[in-house]
């Protein structure tokens, strides 16, 4: 399965961060058309709302890319375990994705919120934006679950799940799990 990325670059010009984010997203819609619309409207709106709030929470960071970055499995596990030990799981009653700042302040969140906290810690540890994100999958019973992801090839990634202490290779998922969408601060893509 090819990873198709919709890159929404964040440009900041003294106080125009929100305006530039909106313009970048409009350009992505124009350029990618149907592909951009492949992610359901509700989920896309929820993710875009989170992207806007997270960009503000992180003070509109620049996109970070490092083509020579080597994925370090031990540091990924250490970061994930530290976040999972600090953030208590609490199911939410709606479809609101907390920013990493909100989750850190509250010390609790659901699977999306914890996955976002793991993503933020990976980013702060120097993992490039083009290989990290949050993934959402659905099982054969229709239940959705979120987790942090780290790509190690164009098509394959590690799953840093919030429910256990290890890391799983995406190639090991069985047929009862459907990967739906991946996203980070700058992009939304099909998994």
Protein backbone atom coordinates (compact mmCIF):
# COMPACT_ATOMS: atom_id res chain seq x y z
CA UNK A 1 0.00 0.00 0.00
CA UNK A 2 1.51 3.32 -1.01
CA UNK A 3 1.65 6.05 1.56
CA UNK A 4 0.15 9.10 -0.03
CA UNK A 5 0.87 12.22 1.91
CA UNK A 6 -0.98 15.47 1.77
CA UNK A 7 1.60 17.90 3.02
CA UNK A 8 0.16 20.97 4.58
CA UNK A 9 3.19 23.16 5.21
CA UNK A 10 2.91 25.66 8.01
CA UNK A 11 4.28 29.10 7.19
CA UNK A 12 4.42 31.74 9.85
CA UNK A 13 4.65 35.42 9.03
CA UNK A 14 4.52 37.58 12.17
CA UNK A 15 1.05 36.94 13.52
CA UNK A 16 -0.38 35.31 10.38
CA UNK A 17 0.00 31.66 11.41
CA UNK A 18 -3.72 30.84 11.28
CA UNK A 19 -4.19 32.58 7.93
CA UNK A 20 -1.20 30.79 6.39
CA UNK A 21 -2.37 27.42 7.77
CA UNK A 22 -5.79 27.96 6.15
CA UNK A 23 -4.22 28.94 2.82
CA UNK A 24 -1.93 25.89 2.86
CA UNK A 25 -4.88 23.57 3.51
CA UNK A 26 -6.89 25.16 0.69
CA UNK A 27 -3.96 24.57 -1.70
CA UNK A 28 -3.80 20.91 -0.60
CA UNK A 29 -7.54 20.52 -1.31
CA UNK A 30 -7.11 22.08 -4.77
CA UNK A 31 -4.07 19.97 -5.65
CA UNK A 32 -5.17 16.58 -4.30
CA UNK A 33 -8.95 16.88 -4.85
CA UNK A 34 -10.55 13.44 -4.46
CA UNK A 35 -7.62 12.05 -2.50
CA UNK A 36 -8.00 14.78 0.10
CA UNK A 37 -11.72 13.97 0.30
CA UNK A 38 -11.05 10.22 0.73
CA UNK A 39 -10.74 10.80 4.48
CA UNK A 40 -14.31 11.23 5.75
CA UNK A 41 -15.39 14.82 6.20
CA UNK A 42 -16.09 14.43 9.93
CA UNK A 43 -12.74 12.81 10.67
CA UNK A 44 -10.89 15.31 8.47
CA UNK A 45 -12.58 18.23 10.25
CA UNK A 46 -11.69 16.75 13.64
CA UNK A 47 -8.05 16.30 12.57
CA UNK A 48 -7.84 19.78 11.02
CA UNK A 49 -9.30 21.31 14.17
CA UNK A 50 -6.65 19.48 16.21
CA UNK A 51 -3.89 20.58 13.75
CA UNK A 52 -4.88 24.24 14.18
CA UNK A 53 -5.00 24.02 17.99
CA UNK A 54 -1.80 21.93 18.20
CA UNK A 55 0.08 24.41 15.97
CA UNK A 56 -0.88 27.17 18.39
CA UNK A 57 0.00 25.00 21.41
CA UNK A 58 3.47 24.34 19.96
CA UNK A 59 3.92 27.98 18.88
CA UNK A 60 3.70 27.26 15.12
CA UNK A 61 6.79 25.07 14.66
CA UNK A 62 8.57 24.63 11.34
CA UNK A 63 8.34 21.36 9.39
CA UNK A 64 11.36 19.22 10.26
CA UNK A 65 12.80 16.76 7.74
CA UNK A 66 16.00 14.69 7.95
CA UNK A 67 16.60 12.21 5.13
CA UNK A 68 19.57 10.68 6.99
CA UNK A 69 17.66 10.00 10.22
CA UNK A 70 18.05 6.44 11.52
CA UNK A 71 15.09 5.06 13.48
CA UNK A 72 16.22 3.94 16.93
CA UNK A 73 13.84 1.28 18.26
CA UNK A 74 15.14 1.54 21.84
CA UNK A 75 14.56 5.30 22.06
CA UNK A 76 11.06 4.89 20.55
CA UNK A 77 10.15 2.33 23.20
CA UNK A 78 11.62 4.44 25.99
CA UNK A 79 9.66 7.54 24.86
CA UNK A 80 6.41 5.61 24.45
CA UNK A 81 6.75 3.89 27.82
CA UNK A 82 7.51 7.19 29.57
CA UNK A 83 4.39 8.82 28.11
CA UNK A 84 2.15 5.83 28.81
CA UNK A 85 3.38 5.75 32.43
CA UNK A 86 2.68 9.48 32.89
CA UNK A 87 -0.68 9.86 31.08
CA UNK A 88 -3.63 7.99 32.57
CA UNK A 89 -6.13 6.50 30.14
CA UNK A 90 -9.60 7.97 30.39
CA UNK A 91 -12.20 7.30 27.67
CA UNK A 92 -13.80 10.40 26.21
CA UNK A 93 -17.47 10.92 25.52
CA UNK A 94 -17.09 12.64 22.16
CA UNK A 95 -14.72 13.00 19.25
CA UNK A 96 -12.43 15.73 20.57
CA UNK A 97 -8.67 15.34 20.15
CA UNK A 98 -6.81 17.12 22.94
CA UNK A 99 -3.65 19.00 22.08
CA UNK A 100 -0.43 17.66 23.56
CA UNK A 101 -0.45 20.70 25.89
CA UNK A 102 -3.94 19.82 27.18
CA UNK A 103 -3.04 16.16 27.72
CA UNK A 104 0.16 17.06 29.54
CA UNK A 105 -1.68 19.55 31.79
CA UNK A 106 -4.52 17.11 32.57
CA UNK A 107 -2.34 14.02 32.87
CA UNK A 108 -5.06 11.96 31.22
CA UNK A 109 -6.67 11.27 27.87
CA UNK A 110 -8.06 8.64 25.55
CA UNK A 111 -6.07 6.67 22.95
CA UNK A 112 -5.89 9.60 20.46
CA UNK A 113 -4.71 11.96 23.18
CA UNK A 114 -2.01 9.57 24.39
CA UNK A 115 -0.91 8.84 20.80
CA UNK A 116 -0.64 12.60 20.20
CA UNK A 117 1.47 12.95 23.38
CA UNK A 118 3.78 10.16 22.15
CA UNK A 119 4.01 11.86 18.71
CA UNK A 120 4.97 15.18 20.38
CA UNK A 121 7.69 13.52 22.50
CA UNK A 122 9.10 11.73 19.42
CA UNK A 123 9.17 15.07 17.60
CA UNK A 124 10.92 16.77 20.53
CA UNK A 125 13.47 13.93 20.57
CA UNK A 126 14.41 14.81 16.98
CA UNK A 127 12.31 12.35 14.97
CA UNK A 128 11.53 14.09 11.63
CA UNK A 129 7.96 15.11 10.79
CA UNK A 130 7.99 13.07 7.58
CA UNK A 131 8.24 9.74 9.46
CA UNK A 132 6.08 10.26 12.58
CA UNK A 133 2.36 10.62 13.10
CA UNK A 134 -0.78 9.28 14.65
CA UNK A 135 -2.60 6.34 13.06
CA UNK A 136 -6.21 5.26 13.40
CA UNK A 137 -7.38 1.71 12.72
CA UNK A 138 -10.73 -0.04 12.92
CA UNK A 139 -11.30 -3.67 13.87
CA UNK A 140 -13.88 -6.03 12.35
CA UNK A 141 -16.35 -5.02 15.10
CA UNK A 142 -16.19 -1.38 13.98
CA UNK A 143 -14.21 -0.15 16.99
CA UNK A 144 -11.56 2.48 16.28
CA UNK A 145 -8.22 2.81 18.05
CA UNK A 146 -5.39 5.35 17.74
CA UNK A 147 -1.64 4.90 18.17
CA UNK A 148 1.58 6.71 17.35
CA UNK A 149 3.43 5.60 14.20
CA UNK A 150 7.04 5.78 13.03
CA UNK A 151 7.76 4.92 9.39
CA UNK A 152 10.93 2.96 8.64
CA UNK A 153 10.19 2.56 4.90
CA UNK A 154 7.80 4.34 2.57
CA UNK A 155 5.08 1.74 3.20
CA UNK A 156 5.90 0.18 6.57
CA UNK A 157 5.82 1.62 10.05
CA UNK A 158 6.09 0.76 13.71
CA UNK A 159 2.96 1.02 15.85
CA UNK A 160 3.55 2.50 19.29
CA UNK A 161 0.32 1.38 20.90
CA UNK A 162 -0.94 2.92 24.10
CA UNK A 163 -2.21 -0.43 25.45
CA UNK A 164 1.03 -2.37 25.80
CA UNK A 165 4.70 -1.77 26.50
CA UNK A 166 6.18 -2.84 23.18
CA UNK A 167 6.24 -1.76 19.55
CA UNK A 168 4.53 -3.68 16.72
CA UNK A 169 5.50 -3.73 13.05
CA UNK A 170 2.54 -2.78 10.81
CA UNK A 171 3.27 -5.83 8.63
CA UNK A 172 2.11 -8.03 11.53
CA UNK A 173 -1.46 -6.71 11.60
CA UNK A 174 -4.05 -9.34 10.76
CA UNK A 175 -7.02 -9.09 8.40
CA UNK A 176 -9.43 -8.12 11.19
CA UNK A 177 -7.78 -4.67 11.42
CA UNK A 178 -8.25 -1.96 8.78
CA UNK A 179 -5.86 0.96 8.80
CA UNK A 180 -7.86 4.12 8.15
CA UNK A 181 -5.88 7.33 8.35
CA UNK A 182 -2.58 8.79 9.48
CA UNK A 183 -1.92 12.38 10.39
CA UNK A 184 0.45 14.75 12.12
CA UNK A 185 0.66 18.50 12.52
CA UNK A 186 1.28 19.06 8.81
CA UNK A 187 -0.39 16.20 6.93
CA UNK A 188 -3.33 13.82 6.59
CA UNK A 189 -2.86 10.60 4.62
CA UNK A 190 -4.42 7.22 3.93
CA UNK A 191 -2.79 4.25 5.65
